[in-house]
Structures are given as structure tokens and as C-alpha cells.
Amino acid sequence: MIALDFTGSVVLVTGGSRGIGAGIAEGFLGAGAEVVVCSRHAPDVLPASGGRSAEFVEADVRDAESVSRLVDTVVERRGGLHVVVNNAGGSPSADASTASPRFSAAIIALNLTAPLLVAQAANAVMQAAGGGCVVNVGSVSGLRPSPGTAAYGAAKAGLMNLTRTLAVEWAPKVRVNCVSPGLIRTEMAEEHYGGPEHAARVAATVPLGRLGLPADVAHACLFLASPLAAYVSGANLVVDGGGERPAFLDAARP
């Protein structure tokens, strides 16, 4: 196994205090990086690995001024910024036929506009320093229909296009890539799927036979931020255990 060493690198993970974000933060900590996580509220427990913990900075990534303060704070405290993982996002379920304009705008702001704001602020620092890497966390919801979360799926599809565009505009100094997780087991997963029994049924639909783990997403982020991906930019790495079995296969069988 190739061990990735991020010693001396400063990594910012938005929404990095729980779920997939915490897994990503722990992955970079385990690889030796100095990790800063942000969210609107301080977590009870910070991500930790190898006897070291992430640093927390309060920020609302939907607000440009808050994002500017966030990046300035990271640079002032840590001396630079080498990797940004735009992980903050999500959406409650909502019927597309009745979702309010305010609801849809809020979902798009969090899942599309916010990553752009963070990436813009980070890019300014990285270009001046000679280079850096941005990893956007998308979703398979941006690649297929997303019933119940229409605005979320549309925003994630937009994030993939944004990734490709920024990769062109900000090259050659800054690489920009995307990781699109599939079904991931987090603190809320069993509740979302209706309990352990239903979560097990959902896991059985994945070709690799299980739900993904936050660490699986972290490993993809580590790869894309590492020298192993030095010639990878504008890519979308799907982490979904093989995808979803096409419904027609079961329908066609007697």
C-alpha cells in the first residue's frame, strides 16, 4: 500500500465536524496534515487521528464575507493553505412540486454557490503561493434522477460542471477535482433509511455489498490531493461501490 504523506500541508475541510466531512478530516490528519474544519456551530468533538485533532473555525460558507474571514484566519494561523475540500452540503427531502422558492434557493446556495465562494477565496491564496488543490464533494444525485431532493441533485450536477470550468480557468497552478459519493453510512444513515433492517436492505443493492464509509470518501480525496494525481484536474471520481443495479434487470426476470 502506498502511504500518502501530507506533513507540512494545511488542509481546510468545510462541514468537517461530522459525517463524511469528519472522515475526510481524520484521513488528512492521519496522513500528517494540519487540518482546519469549519461549520456554523462548534462541534462537541473535533475530528482526531494519531493523537492530533483538527482546529475549528466558525464560518457560514454561504456568506462571502464569512468565507473571506475563514480563509484569512487559516492562513494567519497556519501560514498557508494547500488543500481545500468543499464538503459542506446536504438537503432534507422535499417534493419538487411543492418546494418553496426560498427552500430551493437555500439548497442551491449551500451545495453550489458556497463551494464556489470557498474555492474563489482559496484560489487567490494558492495562485499567489504557486499552487494548490481544491476537491469538491459532489454526489451521485448529480449524475442520476434525484427524487425528493431535486434542487440538491441539480446543484450537485452544477458542481461537477463548476469543477471542470475552474480546472481550466485556474490551471496550471491550481488543480480542481470532484468526488461523488454514493450511499455512505453516517450518523444519520440508518435513520434516513428507516432503521437498521432497511439500511441493510439498501446496502444489499450495492454491487460491493455494503454502504460506503466516510473513510472511503476520504481515501478518494487524499488521492486527488496527492502527487499521485498530479496530472488529474477537472475529474469526477465516483465512489459508489459499483453503482445501483438497473431496475429493469429484476423486472425482466420471470
Protein backbone atom coordinates (compact mmCIF):
# COMPACT_ATOMS: atom_id res chain seq x y z
CA MET A 1 0.00 0.00 0.00
CA ILE A 2 1.25 3.47 -0.88
CA ALA A 3 1.31 5.73 2.16
CA LEU A 4 0.43 9.33 1.36
CA ASP A 5 2.34 11.91 3.39
CA PHE A 6 0.77 15.36 3.81
CA THR A 7 3.17 16.52 6.51
CA GLY A 8 3.53 20.30 6.25
CA SER A 9 0.31 20.70 4.27
CA VAL A 10 -2.57 22.84 5.53
CA VAL A 11 -5.98 21.40 4.67
CA LEU A 12 -9.37 23.08 5.09
CA VAL A 13 -12.45 20.83 5.19
CA THR A 14 -15.78 22.64 5.15
CA GLY A 15 -18.51 20.93 7.12
CA GLY A 16 -15.73 18.81 8.55
CA SER A 17 -17.04 18.24 12.06
CA ARG A 18 -19.30 15.25 11.40
CA GLY A 19 -20.29 12.59 8.90
CA ILE A 20 -18.33 12.40 5.67
CA GLY A 21 -16.54 15.66 6.48
CA ALA A 22 -15.20 14.31 9.76
CA GLY A 23 -14.00 11.19 7.96
CA ILE A 24 -12.16 13.33 5.42
CA ALA A 25 -10.60 15.45 8.17
CA GLU A 26 -9.46 12.32 10.02
CA GLY A 27 -7.97 10.94 6.82
CA PHE A 28 -5.82 14.01 6.26
CA LEU A 29 -4.84 14.14 9.93
CA GLY A 30 -3.73 10.52 9.71
CA ALA A 31 -1.60 11.44 6.70
CA GLY A 32 0.19 14.15 8.69
CA ALA A 33 -1.64 17.28 7.53
CA GLU A 34 -2.60 20.26 9.63
CA VAL A 35 -6.38 20.26 9.34
CA VAL A 36 -8.90 23.05 9.89
CA VAL A 37 -12.62 22.32 9.84
CA CYS A 38 -15.45 24.81 9.73
CA SER A 39 -19.19 24.94 10.26
CA ARG A 40 -21.73 27.41 11.63
CA HIS A 41 -21.61 25.89 15.13
CA ALA A 42 -18.74 24.47 17.16
CA PRO A 43 -18.91 20.65 17.42
CA ASP A 44 -18.85 18.80 20.72
CA VAL A 45 -15.98 16.65 19.47
CA LEU A 46 -13.38 17.55 16.86
CA PRO A 47 -12.07 15.02 14.31
CA ALA A 48 -8.87 13.42 15.54
CA SER A 49 -6.32 10.86 14.40
CA GLY A 50 -2.88 9.78 15.58
CA GLY A 51 -3.11 11.86 18.73
CA ARG A 52 -3.80 15.09 16.85
CA SER A 53 -7.06 16.98 16.41
CA ALA A 54 -8.39 19.34 13.79
CA GLU A 55 -8.73 23.03 14.53
CA PHE A 56 -12.19 24.57 14.36
CA VAL A 57 -13.10 27.93 12.84
CA GLU A 58 -16.70 29.11 12.87
CA ALA A 59 -17.94 30.14 9.42
CA ASP A 60 -21.02 30.26 7.23
CA VAL A 61 -19.79 29.17 3.80
CA ARG A 62 -22.88 30.66 2.15
CA ASP A 63 -21.73 34.17 3.08
CA ALA A 64 -18.86 35.72 1.10
CA GLU A 65 -17.57 37.86 3.98
CA SER A 66 -17.59 34.89 6.34
CA VAL A 67 -15.69 32.83 3.77
CA SER A 68 -13.10 35.58 3.34
CA ARG A 69 -12.57 35.72 7.11
CA LEU A 70 -12.32 31.93 7.23
CA VAL A 71 -9.56 31.70 4.64
CA ASP A 72 -7.70 34.67 6.12
CA THR A 73 -7.86 33.04 9.55
CA VAL A 74 -6.50 29.72 8.25
CA VAL A 75 -3.60 31.45 6.52
CA GLU A 76 -2.81 33.63 9.54
CA ARG A 77 -2.85 30.74 11.99
CA ARG A 78 -1.26 28.05 9.83
CA GLY A 79 0.93 30.03 7.46
CA GLY A 80 -0.71 28.95 4.24
CA LEU A 81 -3.40 26.87 2.58
CA HIS A 82 -2.60 23.93 0.31
CA VAL A 83 -5.78 21.88 0.02
CA VAL A 84 -9.46 22.75 0.31
CA VAL A 85 -12.17 20.09 0.47
CA ASN A 86 -15.60 21.59 -0.19
CA ASN A 87 -17.68 19.10 1.77
CA ALA A 88 -20.41 21.23 3.38
CA GLY A 89 -23.78 20.46 1.85
CA GLY A 90 -26.90 18.35 2.02
CA SER A 91 -30.65 18.65 1.82
CA PRO A 92 -33.79 17.48 3.60
CA SER A 93 -36.39 15.72 1.48
CA ALA A 94 -38.92 17.90 -0.32
CA ASP A 95 -41.46 17.25 -3.06
CA ALA A 96 -40.38 19.18 -6.14
CA SER A 97 -43.99 20.14 -6.89
CA THR A 98 -44.42 21.99 -3.61
CA ALA A 99 -40.90 23.08 -2.59
CA SER A 100 -40.87 26.83 -1.98
CA PRO A 101 -38.59 29.18 -3.93
CA ARG A 102 -36.88 30.08 -0.66
CA PHE A 103 -36.17 26.41 0.12
CA SER A 104 -34.76 25.71 -3.34
CA ALA A 105 -32.59 28.84 -3.27
CA ALA A 106 -31.17 27.84 0.12
CA ILE A 107 -30.27 24.34 -1.09
CA ILE A 108 -28.56 25.68 -4.21
CA ALA A 109 -26.71 28.30 -2.14
CA LEU A 110 -25.28 25.65 0.19
CA ASN A 111 -24.45 22.99 -2.39
CA LEU A 112 -23.29 25.09 -5.36
CA THR A 113 -22.72 28.76 -4.57
CA ALA A 114 -20.91 28.10 -1.28
CA PRO A 115 -18.28 25.79 -2.83
CA LEU A 116 -17.63 28.46 -5.46
CA LEU A 117 -17.17 31.15 -2.78
CA VAL A 118 -14.73 28.98 -0.82
CA ALA A 119 -12.85 27.94 -3.95
CA GLN A 120 -12.51 31.57 -5.08
CA ALA A 121 -11.04 32.67 -1.75
CA ALA A 122 -8.71 29.68 -1.63
CA ASN A 123 -7.61 30.12 -5.23
CA ALA A 124 -6.43 33.66 -4.56
CA VAL A 125 -4.13 32.33 -1.83
CA MET A 126 -2.97 29.31 -3.83
CA GLN A 127 -2.21 31.24 -7.01
CA ALA A 128 -0.06 33.69 -5.05
CA ALA A 129 1.73 30.82 -3.30
CA GLY A 130 2.44 28.94 -6.51
CA GLY A 131 -0.12 26.14 -6.35
CA GLY A 132 -2.77 24.17 -4.52
CA CYS A 133 -5.65 21.78 -4.84
CA VAL A 134 -9.43 22.03 -4.49
CA VAL A 135 -11.58 18.93 -4.07
CA ASN A 136 -15.34 19.38 -4.32
CA VAL A 137 -17.58 16.74 -2.75
CA GLY A 138 -20.44 16.05 -5.12
CA SER A 139 -22.94 13.22 -5.09
CA VAL A 140 -24.32 10.51 -7.35
CA SER A 141 -27.52 12.57 -7.06
CA GLY A 142 -25.91 14.87 -9.60
CA LEU A 143 -25.48 12.01 -12.05
CA ARG A 144 -28.93 10.39 -11.92
CA PRO A 145 -32.50 11.40 -11.05
CA SER A 146 -32.79 12.69 -7.50
CA PRO A 147 -36.46 12.29 -6.48
CA GLY A 148 -37.21 14.01 -3.19
CA THR A 149 -34.13 16.20 -3.47
CA ALA A 150 -34.47 17.84 -6.87
CA ALA A 151 -32.71 21.11 -6.06
CA TYR A 152 -29.89 19.19 -4.35
CA GLY A 153 -29.34 16.92 -7.33
CA ALA A 154 -29.38 19.88 -9.71
CA ALA A 155 -26.88 21.75 -7.52
CA LYS A 156 -24.53 18.76 -7.41
CA ALA A 157 -24.74 18.43 -11.20
CA GLY A 158 -23.81 22.10 -11.38
CA LEU A 159 -20.90 21.48 -9.01
CA MET A 160 -19.46 18.93 -11.41
CA ASN A 161 -19.60 21.43 -14.26
CA LEU A 162 -18.11 24.10 -11.99
CA THR A 163 -15.26 21.71 -11.19
CA ARG A 164 -14.41 21.26 -14.86
CA THR A 165 -14.63 25.00 -15.55
CA LEU A 166 -12.43 26.03 -12.63
CA ALA A 167 -9.91 23.35 -13.58
CA VAL A 168 -9.50 25.10 -16.93
CA GLU A 169 -9.53 28.68 -15.62
CA TRP A 170 -7.14 28.14 -12.71
CA ALA A 171 -4.61 25.85 -14.35
CA PRO A 172 -1.74 25.24 -14.25
CA LYS A 173 -1.16 26.28 -10.64
CA VAL A 174 -4.37 25.03 -9.03
CA ARG A 175 -5.94 21.64 -9.68
CA VAL A 176 -9.70 21.24 -9.15
CA ASN A 177 -11.43 17.86 -8.92
CA CYS A 178 -14.65 16.35 -7.63
CA VAL A 179 -15.50 13.24 -5.60
CA SER A 180 -19.07 11.94 -5.91
CA PRO A 181 -20.04 9.54 -3.12
CA GLY A 182 -22.87 7.06 -3.40
CA LEU A 183 -24.62 5.54 -0.40
CA ILE A 184 -22.48 6.29 2.67
CA ARG A 185 -23.01 5.09 6.23
CA THR A 186 -23.00 8.12 8.55
CA GLU A 187 -24.59 9.01 11.87
CA MET A 188 -27.87 9.76 10.11
CA ALA A 189 -27.88 6.96 7.54
CA GLU A 190 -29.93 4.36 9.42
CA GLU A 191 -32.46 6.99 10.43
CA HIS A 192 -32.69 8.19 6.84
CA TYR A 193 -33.29 4.69 5.51
CA GLY A 194 -35.83 3.78 8.23
CA GLY A 195 -33.77 1.75 10.70
CA PRO A 196 -31.07 -0.96 10.68
CA GLU A 197 -33.16 -3.54 8.78
CA HIS A 198 -33.98 -1.13 5.97
CA ALA A 199 -30.38 0.14 5.87
CA ALA A 200 -29.23 -3.47 5.41
CA ARG A 201 -31.65 -3.88 2.52
CA VAL A 202 -30.33 -0.71 0.92
CA ALA A 203 -26.75 -1.94 1.37
CA ALA A 204 -27.66 -5.20 -0.37
CA THR A 205 -28.48 -3.24 -3.55
CA VAL A 206 -24.88 -2.03 -3.85
CA PRO A 207 -22.73 -4.32 -6.05
CA LEU A 208 -19.92 -4.38 -3.47
CA GLY A 209 -22.46 -5.48 -0.83
CA ARG A 210 -22.18 -2.66 1.68
CA LEU A 211 -22.75 1.02 2.26
CA GLY A 212 -19.66 3.15 1.86
CA LEU A 213 -17.82 4.60 4.83
CA PRO A 214 -16.63 8.17 5.33
CA ALA A 215 -13.11 6.73 5.13
CA ASP A 216 -13.81 5.53 1.58
CA VAL A 217 -14.55 9.11 0.55
CA ALA A 218 -11.52 10.34 2.48
CA HIS A 219 -9.23 7.97 0.57
CA ALA A 220 -10.50 9.38 -2.73
CA CYS A 221 -9.87 12.94 -1.52
CA LEU A 222 -6.37 12.03 -0.34
CA PHE A 223 -5.56 10.57 -3.75
CA LEU A 224 -6.82 13.60 -5.67
CA ALA A 225 -4.91 15.99 -3.41
CA SER A 226 -1.69 13.97 -3.61
CA PRO A 227 1.21 13.93 -6.10
CA LEU A 228 -0.22 10.66 -7.44
CA ALA A 229 -2.90 12.80 -9.10
CA ALA A 230 -0.51 15.48 -10.34
CA TYR A 231 -1.92 15.17 -13.88
CA VAL A 232 -5.55 14.88 -12.81
CA SER A 233 -7.71 18.01 -12.92
CA GLY A 234 -11.34 18.56 -13.85
CA ALA A 235 -12.14 14.94 -13.00
CA ASN A 236 -15.12 13.47 -11.14
CA LEU A 237 -14.22 10.37 -9.14
CA VAL A 238 -17.36 8.35 -8.32
CA VAL A 239 -17.17 6.42 -5.04
CA ASP A 240 -20.33 4.31 -5.04
CA GLY A 241 -19.36 0.66 -4.67
CA GLY A 242 -20.24 -0.12 -8.26
CA GLY A 243 -23.39 1.94 -8.56
CA GLU A 244 -27.00 0.88 -8.44
CA ARG A 245 -28.36 -2.25 -10.04
CA PRO A 246 -30.61 -1.30 -13.00
CA ALA A 247 -34.24 -1.93 -12.07
CA PHE A 248 -35.06 -3.42 -15.48
CA LEU A 249 -32.82 -6.43 -14.80
CA ASP A 250 -35.09 -7.63 -11.99
CA ALA A 251 -38.24 -6.67 -13.85
CA ALA A 252 -37.21 -8.72 -16.89
CA ARG A 253 -36.69 -11.95 -14.96
CA PRO A 254 -39.55 -14.43 -14.55
